[in-house]
Amino acid sequence: MAVMALVVVLMAGSVSAIQNGKNRVTYNFKGVVQEVAVDGSYVVVDVTGGNKRARDHLGPQSFAVTPDTRIEVDEQRVNPSALTAGDRVKVQSRADKDATEFDARKISAEHDED
């Protein structure tokens, strides 16, 4: 009986993992940095465009910065502190289809040279 219960639990976990994988999509946001957390844990971007899914979230959007987030300025890997308000950025995130909160997978910016 205990073995049967364990099998049911394991199967339910596998189905849940498969469904979560299928519901995850890529969001490609474009916008302008409004704020960077002092501790580098998040970036707020005024989203002005992107792919169809990203355009459903126009306006200020906060992105969590995780240890796995890749941040690049002028194609050089940097820390979040290298981003400044006013930078034009592209932010990529993988999240559920109906997500309202996002972890940044990659943030890229190019600084204008004067």
N, C-alpha and C. Protein backbone atom coordinates (compact mmCIF):
# COMPACT_ATOMS: atom_id res chain seq x y z
N MET A 1 0.83 -1.19 0.00
CA MET A 1 0.00 0.00 0.00
C MET A 1 0.87 1.26 0.00
N ALA A 2 1.92 1.27 0.81
CA ALA A 2 2.82 2.43 0.87
C ALA A 2 3.55 2.62 -0.45
N VAL A 3 3.92 1.49 -1.09
CA VAL A 3 4.60 1.58 -2.38
C VAL A 3 3.68 2.21 -3.42
N MET A 4 2.42 1.82 -3.42
CA MET A 4 1.45 2.36 -4.37
C MET A 4 1.28 3.87 -4.15
N ALA A 5 1.21 4.31 -2.91
CA ALA A 5 1.08 5.74 -2.61
C ALA A 5 2.31 6.50 -3.09
N LEU A 6 3.49 5.91 -2.92
CA LEU A 6 4.73 6.54 -3.37
C LEU A 6 4.74 6.68 -4.89
N VAL A 7 4.28 5.64 -5.59
CA VAL A 7 4.22 5.69 -7.06
C VAL A 7 3.28 6.80 -7.51
N VAL A 8 2.13 6.92 -6.87
CA VAL A 8 1.17 7.97 -7.23
C VAL A 8 1.78 9.35 -7.01
N VAL A 9 2.46 9.55 -5.89
CA VAL A 9 3.10 10.84 -5.59
C VAL A 9 4.17 11.15 -6.63
N LEU A 10 5.01 10.17 -6.98
CA LEU A 10 6.06 10.39 -7.97
C LEU A 10 5.48 10.72 -9.34
N MET A 11 4.43 10.03 -9.72
CA MET A 11 3.80 10.30 -11.02
C MET A 11 3.19 11.69 -11.04
N ALA A 12 2.55 12.09 -9.97
CA ALA A 12 1.95 13.43 -9.90
C ALA A 12 3.03 14.49 -10.01
N GLY A 13 4.16 14.27 -9.37
CA GLY A 13 5.27 15.22 -9.45
C GLY A 13 5.82 15.33 -10.86
N SER A 14 5.92 14.22 -11.55
CA SER A 14 6.42 14.23 -12.93
C SER A 14 5.47 14.96 -13.86
N VAL A 15 4.18 14.72 -13.71
CA VAL A 15 3.18 15.41 -14.55
C VAL A 15 3.24 16.90 -14.31
N SER A 16 3.36 17.29 -13.04
CA SER A 16 3.45 18.72 -12.71
C SER A 16 4.68 19.35 -13.34
N ALA A 17 5.81 18.66 -13.29
CA ALA A 17 7.05 19.20 -13.88
C ALA A 17 6.92 19.35 -15.39
N ILE A 18 6.29 18.38 -16.03
CA ILE A 18 6.10 18.46 -17.48
C ILE A 18 5.20 19.63 -17.82
N GLN A 19 4.11 19.79 -17.09
CA GLN A 19 3.20 20.89 -17.38
C GLN A 19 3.89 22.23 -17.16
N ASN A 20 4.69 22.36 -16.11
CA ASN A 20 5.40 23.62 -15.87
C ASN A 20 6.35 23.92 -17.01
N GLY A 21 7.02 22.92 -17.53
CA GLY A 21 7.93 23.12 -18.65
C GLY A 21 7.19 23.59 -19.90
N LYS A 22 6.03 23.03 -20.17
CA LYS A 22 5.26 23.39 -21.36
C LYS A 22 4.67 24.79 -21.25
N ASN A 23 4.39 25.24 -20.05
CA ASN A 23 3.79 26.55 -19.86
C ASN A 23 4.80 27.68 -19.86
N ARG A 24 6.09 27.37 -19.86
CA ARG A 24 7.12 28.40 -19.82
C ARG A 24 7.44 28.87 -21.22
N VAL A 25 7.50 30.18 -21.37
CA VAL A 25 7.77 30.81 -22.67
C VAL A 25 8.83 31.88 -22.49
N THR A 26 9.39 32.34 -23.61
CA THR A 26 10.40 33.40 -23.56
C THR A 26 9.74 34.76 -23.77
N TYR A 27 10.08 35.68 -22.89
CA TYR A 27 9.66 37.08 -23.01
C TYR A 27 10.90 37.88 -23.38
N ASN A 28 10.81 38.71 -24.41
CA ASN A 28 11.90 39.61 -24.79
C ASN A 28 11.42 41.04 -24.65
N PHE A 29 11.84 41.70 -23.60
CA PHE A 29 11.42 43.06 -23.30
C PHE A 29 12.44 44.06 -23.85
N LYS A 30 11.96 45.24 -24.26
CA LYS A 30 12.83 46.36 -24.62
C LYS A 30 12.34 47.56 -23.84
N GLY A 31 13.28 48.37 -23.36
CA GLY A 31 12.86 49.55 -22.61
C GLY A 31 14.03 50.34 -22.07
N VAL A 32 13.72 51.18 -21.09
CA VAL A 32 14.70 52.09 -20.51
C VAL A 32 14.76 51.85 -19.00
N VAL A 33 15.98 51.70 -18.48
CA VAL A 33 16.17 51.48 -17.04
C VAL A 33 15.66 52.69 -16.27
N GLN A 34 14.84 52.44 -15.27
CA GLN A 34 14.37 53.50 -14.37
C GLN A 34 15.10 53.46 -13.04
N GLU A 35 15.42 52.24 -12.59
CA GLU A 35 16.02 52.09 -11.27
C GLU A 35 16.81 50.78 -11.21
N VAL A 36 17.91 50.81 -10.47
CA VAL A 36 18.69 49.61 -10.19
C VAL A 36 18.83 49.54 -8.67
N ALA A 37 18.47 48.41 -8.09
CA ALA A 37 18.58 48.25 -6.64
C ALA A 37 20.03 48.42 -6.20
N VAL A 38 20.22 49.07 -5.08
CA VAL A 38 21.56 49.30 -4.54
C VAL A 38 22.29 47.97 -4.36
N ASP A 39 21.56 46.95 -3.93
CA ASP A 39 22.18 45.63 -3.72
C ASP A 39 22.19 44.78 -4.99
N GLY A 40 21.68 45.33 -6.09
CA GLY A 40 21.70 44.63 -7.37
C GLY A 40 20.68 43.52 -7.51
N SER A 41 19.71 43.46 -6.61
CA SER A 41 18.75 42.35 -6.62
C SER A 41 17.62 42.51 -7.63
N TYR A 42 17.42 43.73 -8.12
CA TYR A 42 16.37 43.94 -9.13
C TYR A 42 16.68 45.16 -9.98
N VAL A 43 16.03 45.20 -11.14
CA VAL A 43 16.13 46.34 -12.05
C VAL A 43 14.70 46.68 -12.47
N VAL A 44 14.35 47.97 -12.44
CA VAL A 44 13.05 48.41 -12.92
C VAL A 44 13.25 49.02 -14.30
N VAL A 45 12.48 48.53 -15.27
CA VAL A 45 12.57 48.98 -16.65
C VAL A 45 11.21 49.50 -17.09
N ASP A 46 11.20 50.66 -17.77
CA ASP A 46 9.99 51.15 -18.41
C ASP A 46 9.91 50.42 -19.75
N VAL A 47 9.10 49.37 -19.80
CA VAL A 47 9.00 48.53 -21.00
C VAL A 47 8.22 49.28 -22.08
N THR A 48 8.88 49.43 -23.24
CA THR A 48 8.26 50.16 -24.37
C THR A 48 8.01 49.27 -25.57
N GLY A 49 8.51 48.02 -25.52
CA GLY A 49 8.31 47.12 -26.64
C GLY A 49 8.88 45.75 -26.34
N GLY A 50 8.92 44.94 -27.39
CA GLY A 50 9.44 43.59 -27.26
C GLY A 50 8.61 42.63 -28.07
N ASN A 51 8.74 41.33 -27.77
CA ASN A 51 7.92 40.37 -28.49
C ASN A 51 6.47 40.47 -28.00
N LYS A 52 5.57 39.73 -28.63
CA LYS A 52 4.14 39.84 -28.32
C LYS A 52 3.86 39.67 -26.83
N ARG A 53 4.46 38.68 -26.22
CA ARG A 53 4.21 38.44 -24.79
C ARG A 53 4.71 39.61 -23.94
N ALA A 54 5.86 40.17 -24.29
CA ALA A 54 6.41 41.29 -23.53
C ALA A 54 5.54 42.54 -23.68
N ARG A 55 4.99 42.74 -24.87
CA ARG A 55 4.16 43.93 -25.10
C ARG A 55 2.87 43.91 -24.28
N ASP A 56 2.52 42.76 -23.72
CA ASP A 56 1.37 42.69 -22.81
C ASP A 56 1.72 43.30 -21.45
N HIS A 57 2.99 43.69 -21.26
CA HIS A 57 3.45 44.22 -19.97
C HIS A 57 4.13 45.57 -20.14
N LEU A 58 3.60 46.43 -21.01
CA LEU A 58 4.18 47.75 -21.23
C LEU A 58 4.10 48.59 -19.96
N GLY A 59 5.07 49.47 -19.78
CA GLY A 59 5.13 50.32 -18.60
C GLY A 59 6.17 49.80 -17.62
N PRO A 60 6.24 50.38 -16.43
CA PRO A 60 7.26 49.98 -15.46
C PRO A 60 7.11 48.51 -15.07
N GLN A 61 8.22 47.78 -15.14
CA GLN A 61 8.23 46.36 -14.79
C GLN A 61 9.51 46.07 -14.01
N SER A 62 9.38 45.40 -12.89
CA SER A 62 10.53 45.04 -12.07
C SER A 62 11.01 43.64 -12.47
N PHE A 63 12.33 43.49 -12.63
CA PHE A 63 12.93 42.21 -12.97
C PHE A 63 13.88 41.80 -11.87
N ALA A 64 13.70 40.60 -11.32
CA ALA A 64 14.61 40.09 -10.31
C ALA A 64 15.93 39.73 -10.99
N VAL A 65 17.03 40.10 -10.34
CA VAL A 65 18.36 39.74 -10.82
C VAL A 65 18.85 38.61 -9.92
N THR A 66 19.13 37.46 -10.52
CA THR A 66 19.56 36.27 -9.78
C THR A 66 21.04 36.01 -10.06
N PRO A 67 21.65 35.09 -9.33
CA PRO A 67 23.05 34.75 -9.63
C PRO A 67 23.23 34.22 -11.06
N ASP A 68 22.17 33.72 -11.67
CA ASP A 68 22.25 33.20 -13.04
C ASP A 68 22.02 34.25 -14.11
N THR A 69 21.62 35.46 -13.71
CA THR A 69 21.36 36.52 -14.68
C THR A 69 22.66 36.97 -15.34
N ARG A 70 22.65 37.01 -16.66
CA ARG A 70 23.82 37.49 -17.42
C ARG A 70 23.55 38.95 -17.77
N ILE A 71 24.44 39.84 -17.35
CA ILE A 71 24.29 41.28 -17.62
C ILE A 71 25.46 41.72 -18.48
N GLU A 72 25.14 42.37 -19.60
CA GLU A 72 26.17 42.85 -20.52
C GLU A 72 25.93 44.31 -20.87
N VAL A 73 27.01 45.08 -20.86
CA VAL A 73 26.99 46.46 -21.36
C VAL A 73 28.07 46.53 -22.43
N ASP A 74 27.67 46.98 -23.61
CA ASP A 74 28.58 47.03 -24.76
C ASP A 74 29.27 45.68 -24.98
N GLU A 75 28.49 44.62 -24.84
CA GLU A 75 28.92 43.24 -25.06
C GLU A 75 29.97 42.74 -24.06
N GLN A 76 30.13 43.44 -22.95
CA GLN A 76 31.06 43.02 -21.89
C GLN A 76 30.24 42.61 -20.67
N ARG A 77 30.59 41.48 -20.07
CA ARG A 77 29.88 41.01 -18.88
C ARG A 77 30.18 41.94 -17.72
N VAL A 78 29.14 42.39 -17.01
CA VAL A 78 29.30 43.36 -15.92
C VAL A 78 28.39 42.99 -14.75
N ASN A 79 28.56 43.71 -13.64
CA ASN A 79 27.69 43.60 -12.48
C ASN A 79 26.48 44.51 -12.67
N PRO A 80 25.40 44.29 -11.92
CA PRO A 80 24.22 45.16 -12.05
C PRO A 80 24.53 46.64 -11.84
N SER A 81 25.54 46.95 -11.04
CA SER A 81 25.87 48.35 -10.75
C SER A 81 26.32 49.11 -12.00
N ALA A 82 26.68 48.40 -13.07
CA ALA A 82 27.09 49.06 -14.32
C ALA A 82 25.89 49.62 -15.09
N LEU A 83 24.69 49.17 -14.73
CA LEU A 83 23.48 49.71 -15.36
C LEU A 83 23.10 51.00 -14.66
N THR A 84 22.64 51.98 -15.44
CA THR A 84 22.22 53.25 -14.85
C THR A 84 20.88 53.67 -15.42
N ALA A 85 20.18 54.49 -14.67
CA ALA A 85 18.89 55.01 -15.13
C ALA A 85 19.10 55.70 -16.48
N GLY A 86 18.20 55.41 -17.40
CA GLY A 86 18.29 55.99 -18.73
C GLY A 86 18.90 55.07 -19.77
N ASP A 87 19.56 53.99 -19.33
CA ASP A 87 20.13 53.03 -20.28
C ASP A 87 19.00 52.34 -21.04
N ARG A 88 19.19 52.21 -22.35
CA ARG A 88 18.26 51.41 -23.17
C ARG A 88 18.71 49.96 -23.03
N VAL A 89 17.75 49.09 -22.69
CA VAL A 89 18.10 47.69 -22.44
C VAL A 89 17.15 46.74 -23.14
N LYS A 90 17.63 45.52 -23.28
CA LYS A 90 16.82 44.38 -23.68
C LYS A 90 16.91 43.39 -22.53
N VAL A 91 15.76 42.89 -22.10
CA VAL A 91 15.72 41.94 -21.00
C VAL A 91 15.04 40.67 -21.48
N GLN A 92 15.70 39.54 -21.27
CA GLN A 92 15.10 38.27 -21.64
C GLN A 92 14.73 37.52 -20.37
N SER A 93 13.55 36.90 -20.40
CA SER A 93 13.08 36.12 -19.25
C SER A 93 12.33 34.90 -19.74
N ARG A 94 12.42 33.82 -18.99
CA ARG A 94 11.58 32.63 -19.24
C ARG A 94 10.63 32.54 -18.06
N ALA A 95 9.34 32.47 -18.36
CA ALA A 95 8.34 32.43 -17.30
C ALA A 95 7.08 31.76 -17.83
N ASP A 96 6.15 31.51 -16.93
CA ASP A 96 4.88 30.93 -17.33
C ASP A 96 4.16 31.85 -18.30
N LYS A 97 3.29 31.29 -19.10
CA LYS A 97 2.56 32.05 -20.12
C LYS A 97 1.77 33.21 -19.52
N ASP A 98 1.28 33.03 -18.30
CA ASP A 98 0.45 34.07 -17.68
C ASP A 98 1.19 34.80 -16.56
N ALA A 99 2.51 34.84 -16.63
CA ALA A 99 3.34 35.44 -15.57
C ALA A 99 3.10 36.94 -15.44
N THR A 100 3.27 37.42 -14.22
CA THR A 100 3.24 38.86 -13.96
C THR A 100 4.52 39.31 -13.27
N GLU A 101 5.33 38.35 -12.82
CA GLU A 101 6.62 38.65 -12.20
C GLU A 101 7.70 37.90 -12.98
N PHE A 102 8.87 38.53 -13.12
CA PHE A 102 9.89 37.97 -14.00
C PHE A 102 11.27 38.00 -13.37
N ASP A 103 12.02 36.91 -13.56
CA ASP A 103 13.45 36.87 -13.26
C ASP A 103 14.16 37.19 -14.57
N ALA A 104 15.12 38.08 -14.52
CA ALA A 104 15.88 38.40 -15.73
C ALA A 104 16.85 37.26 -16.01
N ARG A 105 16.80 36.74 -17.20
CA ARG A 105 17.74 35.71 -17.63
C ARG A 105 18.97 36.38 -18.23
N LYS A 106 18.72 37.45 -19.00
CA LYS A 106 19.80 38.22 -19.61
C LYS A 106 19.35 39.68 -19.72
N ILE A 107 20.25 40.60 -19.40
CA ILE A 107 20.02 42.03 -19.59
C ILE A 107 21.17 42.55 -20.42
N SER A 108 20.85 43.20 -21.53
CA SER A 108 21.92 43.76 -22.36
C SER A 108 21.64 45.23 -22.65
N ALA A 109 22.70 46.02 -22.60
CA ALA A 109 22.62 47.45 -22.83
C ALA A 109 23.81 47.90 -23.67
N GLU A 110 23.62 49.01 -24.36
CA GLU A 110 24.73 49.63 -25.09
C GLU A 110 24.77 51.09 -24.69
N HIS A 111 25.93 51.53 -24.23
CA HIS A 111 26.11 52.93 -23.87
C HIS A 111 26.52 53.70 -25.11
N ASP A 112 25.87 54.82 -25.32
CA ASP A 112 26.22 55.68 -26.45
C ASP A 112 27.60 56.29 -26.21
N GLU A 113 28.40 56.30 -27.27
CA GLU A 113 29.71 56.94 -27.18
C GLU A 113 29.58 58.36 -27.74
N ASP A 114 29.99 59.33 -26.96
CA ASP A 114 29.87 60.74 -27.40
C ASP A 114 31.10 61.18 -28.13
